[in-house]
């Protein structure tokens, strides 16, 4: 129960971006357990609050694994990837 409450207190949030063609998409935070969630063109920032919480609750073992494994990197901005055909 404690770990579930801790995950809801996580500081990494999803963010919605707009592409050049006007379509919108949502980038989710990701961690070392789910690197496949990273989206090309999205700039991610280390979520220091989750690291601090992981250190504070390191005795629980589960909290640091879940906080850094699932929500270590937080999306902050989007840069349209360069098309290789236009270079």
PDB file of N, CA and C in Angstrom:
ATOM      1  N   UNK A   1       0.821  -1.190   0.000  1.00  0.00           N
ATOM      2  CA  UNK A   1       0.000   0.000   0.000  1.00  0.00           C
ATOM      3  C   UNK A   1       0.867   1.256   0.000  1.00  0.00           C
ATOM      4  N   UNK A   2       1.953   1.215   0.788  1.00  0.00           N
ATOM      5  CA  UNK A   2       2.854   2.360   0.871  1.00  0.00           C
ATOM      6  C   UNK A   2       3.489   2.656  -0.480  1.00  0.00           C
ATOM      7  N   UNK A   3       3.928   1.620  -1.169  1.00  0.00           N
ATOM      8  CA  UNK A   3       4.579   1.798  -2.471  1.00  0.00           C
ATOM      9  C   UNK A   3       3.590   2.348  -3.491  1.00  0.00           C
ATOM     10  N   UNK A   4       2.356   1.894  -3.456  1.00  0.00           N
ATOM     11  CA  UNK A   4       1.336   2.406  -4.369  1.00  0.00           C
ATOM     12  C   UNK A   4       1.100   3.895  -4.122  1.00  0.00           C
ATOM     13  N   UNK A   5       1.039   4.300  -2.881  1.00  0.00           N
ATOM     14  CA  UNK A   5       0.872   5.722  -2.553  1.00  0.00           C
ATOM     15  C   UNK A   5       2.071   6.534  -3.004  1.00  0.00           C
ATOM     16  N   UNK A   6       3.242   5.955  -2.864  1.00  0.00           N
ATOM     17  CA  UNK A   6       4.464   6.639  -3.266  1.00  0.00           C
ATOM     18  C   UNK A   6       4.493   6.863  -4.772  1.00  0.00           C
ATOM     19  N   UNK A   7       4.014   5.908  -5.538  1.00  0.00           N
ATOM     20  CA  UNK A   7       3.999   6.068  -6.988  1.00  0.00           C
ATOM     21  C   UNK A   7       3.045   7.167  -7.426  1.00  0.00           C
ATOM     22  N   UNK A   8       1.941   7.334  -6.708  1.00  0.00           N
ATOM     23  CA  UNK A   8       1.030   8.413  -7.047  1.00  0.00           C
ATOM     24  C   UNK A   8       1.642   9.773  -6.701  1.00  0.00           C
ATOM     25  N   UNK A   9       2.625   9.793  -5.837  1.00  0.00           N
ATOM     26  CA  UNK A   9       3.301  11.030  -5.467  1.00  0.00           C
ATOM     27  C   UNK A   9       4.487  11.327  -6.380  1.00  0.00           C
ATOM     28  N   UNK A  10       4.712  10.509  -7.362  1.00  0.00           N
ATOM     29  CA  UNK A  10       5.824  10.687  -8.283  1.00  0.00           C
ATOM     30  C   UNK A  10       5.730  12.040  -8.973  1.00  0.00           C
ATOM     31  N   UNK A  11       6.863  12.619  -9.263  1.00  0.00           N
ATOM     32  CA  UNK A  11       6.895  13.967  -9.835  1.00  0.00           C
ATOM     33  C   UNK A  11       6.975  13.979 -11.356  1.00  0.00           C
ATOM     34  N   UNK A  12       7.252  12.859 -11.981  1.00  0.00           N
ATOM     35  CA  UNK A  12       7.343  12.816 -13.435  1.00  0.00           C
ATOM     36  C   UNK A  12       5.938  12.790 -14.029  1.00  0.00           C
ATOM     37  N   UNK A  13       5.674  13.710 -14.943  1.00  0.00           N
ATOM     38  CA  UNK A  13       4.351  13.808 -15.560  1.00  0.00           C
ATOM     39  C   UNK A  13       4.449  13.606 -17.067  1.00  0.00           C
ATOM     40  N   UNK A  14       3.366  13.109 -17.648  1.00  0.00           N
ATOM     41  CA  UNK A  14       3.301  13.020 -19.100  1.00  0.00           C
ATOM     42  C   UNK A  14       3.075  14.414 -19.663  1.00  0.00           C
ATOM     43  N   UNK A  15       3.414  14.598 -20.945  1.00  0.00           N
ATOM     44  CA  UNK A  15       3.286  15.909 -21.552  1.00  0.00           C
ATOM     45  C   UNK A  15       2.804  15.745 -22.992  1.00  0.00           C
ATOM     46  N   UNK A  16       1.918  16.640 -23.429  1.00  0.00           N
ATOM     47  CA  UNK A  16       1.386  16.604 -24.783  1.00  0.00           C
ATOM     48  C   UNK A  16       2.109  17.636 -25.642  1.00  0.00           C
ATOM     49  N   UNK A  17       2.516  17.199 -26.840  1.00  0.00           N
ATOM     50  CA  UNK A  17       3.238  18.068 -27.776  1.00  0.00           C
ATOM     51  C   UNK A  17       2.499  18.109 -29.109  1.00  0.00           C
ATOM     52  N   UNK A  18       2.769  19.145 -29.893  1.00  0.00           N
ATOM     53  CA  UNK A  18       2.175  19.283 -31.220  1.00  0.00           C
ATOM     54  C   UNK A  18       3.294  19.200 -32.260  1.00  0.00           C
ATOM     55  N   UNK A  19       3.091  18.324 -33.256  1.00  0.00           N
ATOM     56  CA  UNK A  19       4.049  18.190 -34.352  1.00  0.00           C
ATOM     57  C   UNK A  19       3.848  19.319 -35.356  1.00  0.00           C
ATOM     58  N   UNK A  20       4.780  19.434 -36.307  1.00  0.00           N
ATOM     59  CA  UNK A  20       4.709  20.483 -37.325  1.00  0.00           C
ATOM     60  C   UNK A  20       3.473  20.345 -38.196  1.00  0.00           C
ATOM     61  N   UNK A  21       2.981  19.113 -38.387  1.00  0.00           N
ATOM     62  CA  UNK A  21       1.785  18.914 -39.214  1.00  0.00           C
ATOM     63  C   UNK A  21       0.487  19.139 -38.439  1.00  0.00           C
ATOM     64  N   UNK A  22       0.582  19.508 -37.166  1.00  0.00           N
ATOM     65  CA  UNK A  22      -0.585  19.838 -36.359  1.00  0.00           C
ATOM     66  C   UNK A  22      -1.111  18.698 -35.497  1.00  0.00           C
ATOM     67  N   UNK A  23      -0.619  17.493 -35.701  1.00  0.00           N
ATOM     68  CA  UNK A  23      -1.078  16.373 -34.874  1.00  0.00           C
ATOM     69  C   UNK A  23      -0.462  16.460 -33.486  1.00  0.00           C
ATOM     70  N   UNK A  24      -1.216  16.034 -32.504  1.00  0.00           N
ATOM     71  CA  UNK A  24      -0.735  16.046 -31.127  1.00  0.00           C
ATOM     72  C   UNK A  24      -0.433  14.626 -30.667  1.00  0.00           C
ATOM     73  N   UNK A  25       0.536  14.514 -29.782  1.00  0.00           N
ATOM     74  CA  UNK A  25       0.861  13.225 -29.180  1.00  0.00           C
ATOM     75  C   UNK A  25       1.286  13.455 -27.744  1.00  0.00           C
ATOM     76  N   UNK A  26       1.190  12.420 -26.942  1.00  0.00           N
ATOM     77  CA  UNK A  26       1.547  12.512 -25.532  1.00  0.00           C
ATOM     78  C   UNK A  26       2.773  11.648 -25.273  1.00  0.00           C
ATOM     79  N   UNK A  27       3.779  12.252 -24.664  1.00  0.00           N
ATOM     80  CA  UNK A  27       4.999  11.533 -24.291  1.00  0.00           C
ATOM     81  C   UNK A  27       4.911  11.175 -22.812  1.00  0.00           C
ATOM     82  N   UNK A  28       5.169   9.923 -22.511  1.00  0.00           N
ATOM     83  CA  UNK A  28       5.122   9.422 -21.134  1.00  0.00           C
ATOM     84  C   UNK A  28       6.524   9.437 -20.528  1.00  0.00           C
ATOM     85  N   UNK A  29       6.618   9.593 -19.209  1.00  0.00           N
ATOM     86  CA  UNK A  29       7.914   9.416 -18.560  1.00  0.00           C
ATOM     87  C   UNK A  29       8.355   7.959 -18.708  1.00  0.00           C
ATOM     88  N   UNK A  30       9.657   7.734 -18.663  1.00  0.00           N
ATOM     89  CA  UNK A  30      10.152   6.366 -18.733  1.00  0.00           C
ATOM     90  C   UNK A  30      11.370   6.214 -17.836  1.00  0.00           C
ATOM     91  N   UNK A  31      11.746   4.971 -17.598  1.00  0.00           N
ATOM     92  CA  UNK A  31      12.901   4.678 -16.759  1.00  0.00           C
ATOM     93  C   UNK A  31      13.743   3.577 -17.368  1.00  0.00           C
ATOM     94  N   UNK A  32      14.612   3.028 -16.579  1.00  0.00           N
ATOM     95  CA  UNK A  32      15.528   2.006 -17.094  1.00  0.00           C
ATOM     96  C   UNK A  32      14.829   0.680 -17.379  1.00  0.00           C
ATOM     97  N   UNK A  33      13.623   0.459 -16.844  1.00  0.00           N
ATOM     98  CA  UNK A  33      12.897  -0.785 -17.107  1.00  0.00           C
ATOM     99  C   UNK A  33      12.079  -0.721 -18.395  1.00  0.00           C
ATOM    100  N   UNK A  34      11.809   0.471 -18.888  1.00  0.00           N
ATOM    101  CA  UNK A  34      10.994   0.594 -20.099  1.00  0.00           C
ATOM    102  C   UNK A  34      11.551   1.655 -21.054  1.00  0.00           C
ATOM    103  N   UNK A  35      12.799   1.461 -21.479  1.00  0.00           N
ATOM    104  CA  UNK A  35      13.452   2.400 -22.398  1.00  0.00           C
ATOM    105  C   UNK A  35      12.729   2.526 -23.730  1.00  0.00           C
ATOM    106  N   UNK A  36      11.902   1.561 -24.080  1.00  0.00           N
ATOM    107  CA  UNK A  36      11.205   1.601 -25.356  1.00  0.00           C
ATOM    108  C   UNK A  36      10.120   2.686 -25.411  1.00  0.00           C
ATOM    109  N   UNK A  37       9.822   3.334 -24.299  1.00  0.00           N
ATOM    110  CA  UNK A  37       8.837   4.424 -24.284  1.00  0.00           C
ATOM    111  C   UNK A  37       9.415   5.741 -24.785  1.00  0.00           C
ATOM    112  N   UNK A  38      10.736   5.829 -24.918  1.00  0.00           N
ATOM    113  CA  UNK A  38      11.364   7.061 -25.387  1.00  0.00           C
ATOM    114  C   UNK A  38      10.942   7.333 -26.828  1.00  0.00           C
ATOM    115  N   UNK A  39      10.592   8.580 -27.121  1.00  0.00           N
ATOM    116  CA  UNK A  39      10.111   8.979 -28.446  1.00  0.00           C
ATOM    117  C   UNK A  39      11.159   9.861 -29.094  1.00  0.00           C
ATOM    118  N   UNK A  40      11.445   9.571 -30.364  1.00  0.00           N
ATOM    119  CA  UNK A  40      12.428  10.362 -31.101  1.00  0.00           C
ATOM    120  C   UNK A  40      11.940  11.804 -31.242  1.00  0.00           C
ATOM    121  N   UNK A  41      12.813  12.742 -30.955  1.00  0.00           N
ATOM    122  CA  UNK A  41      12.477  14.159 -31.048  1.00  0.00           C
ATOM    123  C   UNK A  41      12.064  14.775 -29.721  1.00  0.00           C
ATOM    124  N   UNK A  42      11.706  13.943 -28.751  1.00  0.00           N
ATOM    125  CA  UNK A  42      11.315  14.454 -27.439  1.00  0.00           C
ATOM    126  C   UNK A  42      12.564  14.551 -26.570  1.00  0.00           C
ATOM    127  N   UNK A  43      12.759  15.700 -25.969  1.00  0.00           N
ATOM    128  CA  UNK A  43      13.875  15.897 -25.045  1.00  0.00           C
ATOM    129  C   UNK A  43      13.402  15.544 -23.647  1.00  0.00           C
ATOM    130  N   UNK A  44      14.185  14.714 -22.972  1.00  0.00           N
ATOM    131  CA  UNK A  44      13.841  14.254 -21.632  1.00  0.00           C
ATOM    132  C   UNK A  44      14.815  14.838 -20.620  1.00  0.00           C
ATOM    133  N   UNK A  45      14.329  15.008 -19.409  1.00  0.00           N
ATOM    134  CA  UNK A  45      15.125  15.546 -18.314  1.00  0.00           C
ATOM    135  C   UNK A  45      15.040  14.587 -17.135  1.00  0.00           C
ATOM    136  N   UNK A  46      16.138  14.451 -16.433  1.00  0.00           N
ATOM    137  CA  UNK A  46      16.171  13.586 -15.264  1.00  0.00           C
ATOM    138  C   UNK A  46      15.238  14.142 -14.191  1.00  0.00           C
ATOM    139  N   UNK A  47      14.395  13.309 -13.649  1.00  0.00           N
ATOM    140  CA  UNK A  47      13.447  13.734 -12.618  1.00  0.00           C
ATOM    141  C   UNK A  47      14.134  13.613 -11.256  1.00  0.00           C
ATOM    142  N   UNK A  48      14.704  14.711 -10.798  1.00  0.00           N
ATOM    143  CA  UNK A  48      15.488  14.689  -9.556  1.00  0.00           C
ATOM    144  C   UNK A  48      14.618  14.400  -8.332  1.00  0.00           C
ATOM    145  N   UNK A  49      13.365  14.797  -8.377  1.00  0.00           N
ATOM    146  CA  UNK A  49      12.489  14.531  -7.230  1.00  0.00           C
ATOM    147  C   UNK A  49      12.327  13.022  -7.018  1.00  0.00           C
ATOM    148  N   UNK A  50      12.221  12.263  -8.103  1.00  0.00           N
ATOM    149  CA  UNK A  50      12.109  10.811  -7.962  1.00  0.00           C
ATOM    150  C   UNK A  50      13.401  10.200  -7.427  1.00  0.00           C
ATOM    151  N   UNK A  51      14.520  10.781  -7.785  1.00  0.00           N
ATOM    152  CA  UNK A  51      15.796  10.286  -7.260  1.00  0.00           C
ATOM    153  C   UNK A  51      15.877  10.559  -5.763  1.00  0.00           C
ATOM    154  N   UNK A  52      15.463  11.751  -5.348  1.00  0.00           N
ATOM    155  CA  UNK A  52      15.473  12.091  -3.924  1.00  0.00           C
ATOM    156  C   UNK A  52      14.547  11.158  -3.151  1.00  0.00           C
ATOM    157  N   UNK A  53      13.346  10.925  -3.688  1.00  0.00           N
ATOM    158  CA  UNK A  53      12.421  10.001  -3.031  1.00  0.00           C
ATOM    159  C   UNK A  53      12.999   8.582  -2.977  1.00  0.00           C
ATOM    160  N   UNK A  54      13.699   8.189  -4.023  1.00  0.00           N
ATOM    161  CA  UNK A  54      14.318   6.858  -4.045  1.00  0.00           C
ATOM    162  C   UNK A  54      15.369   6.719  -2.956  1.00  0.00           C
ATOM    163  N   UNK A  55      16.138   7.769  -2.751  1.00  0.00           N
ATOM    164  CA  UNK A  55      17.153   7.736  -1.696  1.00  0.00           C
ATOM    165  C   UNK A  55      16.493   7.713  -0.324  1.00  0.00           C
ATOM    166  N   UNK A  56      15.479   8.546  -0.137  1.00  0.00           N
ATOM    167  CA  UNK A  56      14.797   8.605   1.154  1.00  0.00           C
ATOM    168  C   UNK A  56      14.141   7.276   1.525  1.00  0.00           C
ATOM    169  N   UNK A  57      13.576   6.600   0.530  1.00  0.00           N
ATOM    170  CA  UNK A  57      12.879   5.344   0.789  1.00  0.00           C
ATOM    171  C   UNK A  57      13.671   4.135   0.313  1.00  0.00           C
ATOM    172  N   UNK A  58      14.996   4.243   0.314  1.00  0.00           N
ATOM    173  CA  UNK A  58      15.833   3.154  -0.189  1.00  0.00           C
ATOM    174  C   UNK A  58      15.717   1.873   0.649  1.00  0.00           C
ATOM    175  N   UNK A  59      15.327   1.988   1.876  1.00  0.00           N
ATOM    176  CA  UNK A  59      15.185   0.798   2.719  1.00  0.00           C
ATOM    177  C   UNK A  59      14.016  -0.079   2.287  1.00  0.00           C
ATOM    178  N   UNK A  60      13.063   0.490   1.564  1.00  0.00           N
ATOM    179  CA  UNK A  60      11.917  -0.301   1.131  1.00  0.00           C
ATOM    180  C   UNK A  60      12.239  -1.172  -0.080  1.00  0.00           C
ATOM    181  N   UNK A  61      13.308  -0.908  -0.755  1.00  0.00           N
ATOM    182  CA  UNK A  61      13.772  -1.592  -1.964  1.00  0.00           C
ATOM    183  C   UNK A  61      12.795  -1.414  -3.124  1.00  0.00           C
ATOM    184  N   UNK A  62      11.532  -1.603  -2.907  1.00  0.00           N
ATOM    185  CA  UNK A  62      10.554  -1.503  -3.999  1.00  0.00           C
ATOM    186  C   UNK A  62      10.398  -0.061  -4.500  1.00  0.00           C
ATOM    187  N   UNK A  63      10.404   0.903  -3.620  1.00  0.00           N
ATOM    188  CA  UNK A  63      10.185   2.293  -4.024  1.00  0.00           C
ATOM    189  C   UNK A  63      11.261   2.788  -4.992  1.00  0.00           C
ATOM    190  N   UNK A  64      12.552   2.615  -4.707  1.00  0.00           N
ATOM    191  CA  UNK A  64      13.556   3.081  -5.660  1.00  0.00           C
ATOM    192  C   UNK A  64      13.495   2.347  -7.001  1.00  0.00           C
ATOM    193  N   UNK A  65      13.217   1.058  -6.951  1.00  0.00           N
ATOM    194  CA  UNK A  65      13.141   0.280  -8.191  1.00  0.00           C
ATOM    195  C   UNK A  65      11.990   0.793  -9.053  1.00  0.00           C
ATOM    196  N   UNK A  66      10.843   1.008  -8.464  1.00  0.00           N
ATOM    197  CA  UNK A  66       9.687   1.465  -9.230  1.00  0.00           C
ATOM    198  C   UNK A  66       9.826   2.925  -9.680  1.00  0.00           C
ATOM    199  N   UNK A  67      10.316   3.794  -8.808  1.00  0.00           N
ATOM    200  CA  UNK A  67      10.432   5.212  -9.161  1.00  0.00           C
ATOM    201  C   UNK A  67      11.473   5.456 -10.248  1.00  0.00           C
ATOM    202  N   UNK A  68      12.608   4.790 -10.172  1.00  0.00           N
ATOM    203  CA  UNK A  68      13.639   4.998 -11.193  1.00  0.00           C
ATOM    204  C   UNK A  68      13.434   4.071 -12.388  1.00  0.00           C
ATOM    205  N   UNK A  69      12.839   2.927 -12.157  1.00  0.00           N
ATOM    206  CA  UNK A  69      12.634   1.976 -13.250  1.00  0.00           C
ATOM    207  C   UNK A  69      11.529   2.374 -14.197  1.00  0.00           C
ATOM    208  N   UNK A  70      10.545   3.111 -13.713  1.00  0.00           N
ATOM    209  CA  UNK A  70       9.403   3.476 -14.552  1.00  0.00           C
ATOM    210  C   UNK A  70       9.290   4.965 -14.855  1.00  0.00           C
ATOM    211  N   UNK A  71       9.846   5.827 -14.011  1.00  0.00           N
ATOM    212  CA  UNK A  71       9.667   7.273 -14.202  1.00  0.00           C
ATOM    213  C   UNK A  71      10.928   8.070 -13.869  1.00  0.00           C
ATOM    214  N   UNK A  72      12.044   7.678 -14.448  1.00  0.00           N
ATOM    215  CA  UNK A  72      13.302   8.374 -14.199  1.00  0.00           C
ATOM    216  C   UNK A  72      13.454   9.594 -15.111  1.00  0.00           C
ATOM    217  N   UNK A  73      13.005   9.473 -16.354  1.00  0.00           N
ATOM    218  CA  UNK A  73      13.138  10.549 -17.338  1.00  0.00           C
ATOM    219  C   UNK A  73      11.769  11.157 -17.635  1.00  0.00           C
ATOM    220  N   UNK A  74      11.696  12.490 -17.584  1.00  0.00           N
ATOM    221  CA  UNK A  74      10.443  13.212 -17.788  1.00  0.00           C
ATOM    222  C   UNK A  74      10.513  14.023 -19.091  1.00  0.00           C
ATOM    223  N   UNK A  75       9.481  13.951 -19.951  1.00  0.00           N
ATOM    224  CA  UNK A  75       9.510  14.741 -21.192  1.00  0.00           C
ATOM    225  C   UNK A  75       9.391  16.228 -20.887  1.00  0.00           C
ATOM    226  N   UNK A  76      10.223  17.038 -21.570  1.00  0.00           N
ATOM    227  CA  UNK A  76      10.190  18.481 -21.324  1.00  0.00           C
ATOM    228  C   UNK A  76       9.945  19.298 -22.585  1.00  0.00           C
ATOM    229  N   UNK A  77      10.417  18.833 -23.740  1.00  0.00           N
ATOM    230  CA  UNK A  77      10.214  19.601 -24.968  1.00  0.00           C
ATOM    231  C   UNK A  77      10.259  18.666 -26.177  1.00  0.00           C
ATOM    232  N   UNK A  78       9.863  19.203 -27.315  1.00  0.00           N
ATOM    233  CA  UNK A  78       9.845  18.415 -28.545  1.00  0.00           C
ATOM    234  C   UNK A  78      10.503  19.209 -29.657  1.00  0.00           C
ATOM    235  N   UNK A  79      11.383  18.556 -30.377  1.00  0.00           N
ATOM    236  CA  UNK A  79      12.029  19.132 -31.547  1.00  0.00           C
ATOM    237  C   UNK A  79      11.723  18.216 -32.720  1.00  0.00           C
ATOM    238  N   UNK A  80      11.178  18.778 -33.769  1.00  0.00           N
ATOM    239  CA  UNK A  80      10.825  17.971 -34.946  1.00  0.00           C
ATOM    240  C   UNK A  80      12.084  17.296 -35.486  1.00  0.00           C
ATOM    241  N   UNK A  81      12.092  15.951 -35.571  1.00  0.00           N
ATOM    242  CA  UNK A  81      13.270  15.255 -36.124  1.00  0.00           C
ATOM    243  C   UNK A  81      13.497  15.654 -37.586  1.00  0.00           C
ATOM    244  N   UNK A  82      14.768  15.759 -37.951  1.00  0.00           N
ATOM    245  CA  UNK A  82      15.101  16.106 -39.339  1.00  0.00           C
ATOM    246  C   UNK A  82      14.854  14.901 -40.230  1.00  0.00           C
ATOM    247  N   UNK A  83      14.227  15.161 -41.357  1.00  0.00           N
ATOM    248  CA  UNK A  83      13.944  14.112 -42.324  1.00  0.00           C
ATOM    249  C   UNK A  83      15.214  13.871 -43.146  1.00  0.00           C
ATOM    250  N   UNK A  84      15.659  12.635 -43.236  1.00  0.00           N
ATOM    251  CA  UNK A  84      16.890  12.310 -43.952  1.00  0.00           C
ATOM    252  C   UNK A  84      16.762  12.579 -45.445  1.00  0.00           C
ATOM    253  N   UNK A  85      15.558  12.588 -45.987  1.00  0.00           N
ATOM    254  CA  UNK A  85      15.365  12.864 -47.413  1.00  0.00           C
ATOM    255  C   UNK A  85      15.610  14.330 -47.754  1.00  0.00           C
ATOM    256  N   UNK A  86      15.426  15.215 -46.776  1.00  0.00           N
ATOM    257  CA  UNK A  86      15.587  16.662 -47.020  1.00  0.00           C
ATOM    258  C   UNK A  86      16.993  17.143 -46.790  1.00  0.00           C
ATOM    259  N   UNK A  87      17.892  16.333 -46.337  1.00  0.00           N
ATOM    260  CA  UNK A  87      19.255  16.795 -46.022  1.00  0.00           C
ATOM    261  C   UNK A  87      20.107  16.867 -47.248  1.00  0.00           C
TER     262      UNK A  87
END
